[in-house]
Amino acid sequence: MVQLPAYAPGLHPAEGVRSALRRTTLADLAFADPEELITAVRRGLRRLPYRPDVLDGCLTGLPQRRPP
C-alpha cells in the first residue's frame, strides 16, 4: 500500500489529457458560447486515439498497479 498526497494532479491521467487539450485543440481560442467550447473539446478528444504518444505521455509517472 502506498500513501498518496491529498492533492496530486500529476498522478491522475485525466489531468494529462486536459493539459494535452489545452496545448493543442484549445490553445489560443476564445469561445463565444459554451456550445463552441463543448464542440472544441469533443473534437480534441476524438483526435487523441490517433496520437498514442500523447496518451502514453499522460500515463507516464503513474504508479503501476500490481496484480493481486
N, C-alpha and C. Protein backbone atom coordinates (compact mmCIF):
# COMPACT_ATOMS: atom_id res chain seq x y z
N MET A 1 0.84 -1.16 0.00
CA MET A 1 0.00 0.00 0.00
C MET A 1 0.90 1.24 0.00
N VAL A 2 0.52 2.23 -0.79
CA VAL A 2 1.31 3.45 -0.92
C VAL A 2 0.45 4.63 -0.51
N GLN A 3 0.95 5.46 0.39
CA GLN A 3 0.23 6.66 0.81
C GLN A 3 0.44 7.75 -0.24
N LEU A 4 -0.65 8.21 -0.85
CA LEU A 4 -0.58 9.27 -1.84
C LEU A 4 -0.94 10.61 -1.20
N PRO A 5 -0.41 11.69 -1.74
CA PRO A 5 -0.76 13.01 -1.20
C PRO A 5 -2.24 13.30 -1.43
N ALA A 6 -2.80 14.21 -0.64
CA ALA A 6 -4.22 14.55 -0.75
C ALA A 6 -4.55 15.14 -2.11
N TYR A 7 -3.67 15.95 -2.65
CA TYR A 7 -3.90 16.55 -3.95
C TYR A 7 -2.70 16.25 -4.82
N ALA A 8 -2.88 15.40 -5.82
CA ALA A 8 -1.77 15.00 -6.68
C ALA A 8 -2.23 14.96 -8.12
N PRO A 9 -2.38 16.13 -8.77
CA PRO A 9 -2.86 16.12 -10.15
C PRO A 9 -1.92 15.41 -11.11
N GLY A 10 -0.65 15.35 -10.78
CA GLY A 10 0.31 14.67 -11.64
C GLY A 10 0.12 13.16 -11.67
N LEU A 11 -0.62 12.62 -10.70
CA LEU A 11 -0.85 11.19 -10.62
C LEU A 11 -2.19 10.79 -11.23
N HIS A 12 -2.91 11.73 -11.78
CA HIS A 12 -4.24 11.45 -12.34
C HIS A 12 -4.18 11.59 -13.86
N PRO A 13 -4.45 10.52 -14.61
CA PRO A 13 -4.31 10.57 -16.07
C PRO A 13 -5.22 11.61 -16.72
N ALA A 14 -6.38 11.92 -16.12
CA ALA A 14 -7.28 12.91 -16.71
C ALA A 14 -6.63 14.29 -16.75
N GLU A 15 -5.76 14.58 -15.80
CA GLU A 15 -5.05 15.86 -15.79
C GLU A 15 -4.12 15.96 -16.99
N GLY A 16 -3.50 14.85 -17.37
CA GLY A 16 -2.64 14.84 -18.55
C GLY A 16 -3.42 15.06 -19.82
N VAL A 17 -4.60 14.46 -19.91
CA VAL A 17 -5.46 14.65 -21.08
C VAL A 17 -5.91 16.10 -21.16
N ARG A 18 -6.32 16.67 -20.03
CA ARG A 18 -6.75 18.07 -20.00
C ARG A 18 -5.61 18.98 -20.43
N SER A 19 -4.44 18.71 -19.95
CA SER A 19 -3.28 19.51 -20.31
C SER A 19 -2.96 19.40 -21.80
N ALA A 20 -3.07 18.18 -22.34
CA ALA A 20 -2.81 17.99 -23.77
C ALA A 20 -3.82 18.75 -24.61
N LEU A 21 -5.08 18.75 -24.21
CA LEU A 21 -6.10 19.51 -24.94
C LEU A 21 -5.82 21.00 -24.87
N ARG A 22 -5.40 21.47 -23.71
CA ARG A 22 -5.10 22.90 -23.57
C ARG A 22 -3.95 23.32 -24.47
N ARG A 23 -2.97 22.44 -24.68
CA ARG A 23 -1.81 22.78 -25.51
C ARG A 23 -2.10 22.65 -26.99
N THR A 24 -3.13 21.87 -27.38
CA THR A 24 -3.37 21.62 -28.80
C THR A 24 -4.70 22.22 -29.25
N THR A 25 -5.78 21.52 -29.04
CA THR A 25 -7.09 21.89 -29.56
C THR A 25 -7.61 23.21 -29.00
N LEU A 26 -7.39 23.45 -27.72
CA LEU A 26 -7.97 24.63 -27.08
C LEU A 26 -6.99 25.79 -26.96
N ALA A 27 -5.82 25.66 -27.55
CA ALA A 27 -4.79 26.69 -27.41
C ALA A 27 -5.19 27.97 -28.13
N ASP A 28 -5.07 29.07 -27.44
CA ASP A 28 -5.28 30.41 -28.00
C ASP A 28 -6.64 30.59 -28.66
N LEU A 29 -7.68 30.07 -28.05
CA LEU A 29 -9.02 30.23 -28.58
C LEU A 29 -9.90 30.97 -27.58
N ALA A 30 -10.82 31.75 -28.09
CA ALA A 30 -11.84 32.39 -27.27
C ALA A 30 -13.19 31.87 -27.78
N PHE A 31 -14.06 31.52 -26.88
CA PHE A 31 -15.33 30.94 -27.25
C PHE A 31 -16.46 31.93 -26.98
N ALA A 32 -17.36 32.05 -27.95
CA ALA A 32 -18.48 32.98 -27.81
C ALA A 32 -19.56 32.41 -26.90
N ASP A 33 -19.70 31.10 -26.89
CA ASP A 33 -20.70 30.47 -26.03
C ASP A 33 -20.22 29.08 -25.61
N PRO A 34 -20.87 28.50 -24.61
CA PRO A 34 -20.44 27.19 -24.12
C PRO A 34 -20.50 26.08 -25.18
N GLU A 35 -21.40 26.19 -26.12
CA GLU A 35 -21.50 25.16 -27.16
C GLU A 35 -20.24 25.08 -28.01
N GLU A 36 -19.63 26.22 -28.28
CA GLU A 36 -18.37 26.21 -29.05
C GLU A 36 -17.27 25.51 -28.27
N LEU A 37 -17.21 25.75 -26.97
CA LEU A 37 -16.22 25.09 -26.12
C LEU A 37 -16.45 23.58 -26.11
N ILE A 38 -17.70 23.17 -25.95
CA ILE A 38 -18.03 21.74 -25.93
C ILE A 38 -17.63 21.08 -27.25
N THR A 39 -17.92 21.75 -28.36
CA THR A 39 -17.58 21.21 -29.67
C THR A 39 -16.07 21.06 -29.82
N ALA A 40 -15.32 22.06 -29.37
CA ALA A 40 -13.86 22.01 -29.47
C ALA A 40 -13.28 20.89 -28.61
N VAL A 41 -13.81 20.72 -27.41
CA VAL A 41 -13.32 19.65 -26.52
C VAL A 41 -13.62 18.28 -27.13
N ARG A 42 -14.83 18.12 -27.65
CA ARG A 42 -15.17 16.83 -28.28
C ARG A 42 -14.27 16.54 -29.47
N ARG A 43 -14.00 17.56 -30.27
CA ARG A 43 -13.13 17.39 -31.43
C ARG A 43 -11.73 16.96 -30.98
N GLY A 44 -11.24 17.60 -29.94
CA GLY A 44 -9.91 17.24 -29.43
C GLY A 44 -9.87 15.84 -28.85
N LEU A 45 -10.92 15.45 -28.14
CA LEU A 45 -10.96 14.11 -27.57
C LEU A 45 -11.06 13.04 -28.65
N ARG A 46 -11.75 13.35 -29.75
CA ARG A 46 -11.83 12.39 -30.85
C ARG A 46 -10.49 12.20 -31.54
N ARG A 47 -9.63 13.19 -31.50
CA ARG A 47 -8.32 13.10 -32.15
C ARG A 47 -7.28 12.36 -31.30
N LEU A 48 -7.50 12.30 -30.00
CA LEU A 48 -6.49 11.69 -29.11
C LEU A 48 -6.18 10.23 -29.43
N PRO A 49 -7.13 9.39 -29.78
CA PRO A 49 -6.76 7.99 -30.08
C PRO A 49 -5.78 7.86 -31.23
N TYR A 50 -5.70 8.87 -32.08
CA TYR A 50 -4.76 8.83 -33.20
C TYR A 50 -3.39 9.37 -32.81
N ARG A 51 -3.25 9.76 -31.56
CA ARG A 51 -1.97 10.28 -31.05
C ARG A 51 -1.53 9.45 -29.84
N PRO A 52 -1.09 8.21 -30.06
CA PRO A 52 -0.72 7.36 -28.92
C PRO A 52 0.44 7.93 -28.10
N ASP A 53 1.29 8.74 -28.73
CA ASP A 53 2.40 9.35 -27.99
C ASP A 53 1.87 10.30 -26.92
N VAL A 54 0.80 11.02 -27.22
CA VAL A 54 0.21 11.94 -26.23
C VAL A 54 -0.44 11.14 -25.10
N LEU A 55 -1.16 10.09 -25.46
CA LEU A 55 -1.79 9.27 -24.42
C LEU A 55 -0.76 8.59 -23.54
N ASP A 56 0.31 8.09 -24.13
CA ASP A 56 1.38 7.48 -23.33
C ASP A 56 1.99 8.50 -22.38
N GLY A 57 2.14 9.73 -22.85
CA GLY A 57 2.68 10.78 -22.00
C GLY A 57 1.79 11.10 -20.82
N CYS A 58 0.49 10.92 -20.99
CA CYS A 58 -0.44 11.16 -19.88
C CYS A 58 -0.33 10.09 -18.80
N LEU A 59 0.18 8.92 -19.15
CA LEU A 59 0.25 7.81 -18.21
C LEU A 59 1.62 7.64 -17.59
N THR A 60 2.64 8.30 -18.10
CA THR A 60 3.97 8.13 -17.51
C THR A 60 4.01 8.77 -16.13
N GLY A 61 4.72 8.15 -15.26
CA GLY A 61 4.86 8.67 -13.91
C GLY A 61 3.76 8.21 -12.97
N LEU A 62 2.75 7.51 -13.48
CA LEU A 62 1.71 7.00 -12.60
C LEU A 62 2.20 5.74 -11.91
N PRO A 63 1.78 5.55 -10.67
CA PRO A 63 2.17 4.31 -10.01
C PRO A 63 1.52 3.12 -10.70
N GLN A 64 2.29 2.08 -10.89
CA GLN A 64 1.77 0.89 -11.57
C GLN A 64 1.02 0.02 -10.58
N ARG A 65 -0.13 -0.49 -11.00
CA ARG A 65 -0.91 -1.38 -10.14
C ARG A 65 -0.32 -2.78 -10.21
N ARG A 66 -0.18 -3.37 -9.08
CA ARG A 66 0.30 -4.73 -9.01
C ARG A 66 -0.86 -5.70 -9.02
N PRO A 67 -0.77 -6.78 -9.79
CA PRO A 67 -1.86 -7.75 -9.79
C PRO A 67 -2.02 -8.37 -8.40
N PRO A 68 -3.25 -8.71 -8.04
CA PRO A 68 -3.48 -9.28 -6.68
C PRO A 68 -2.90 -10.67 -6.52
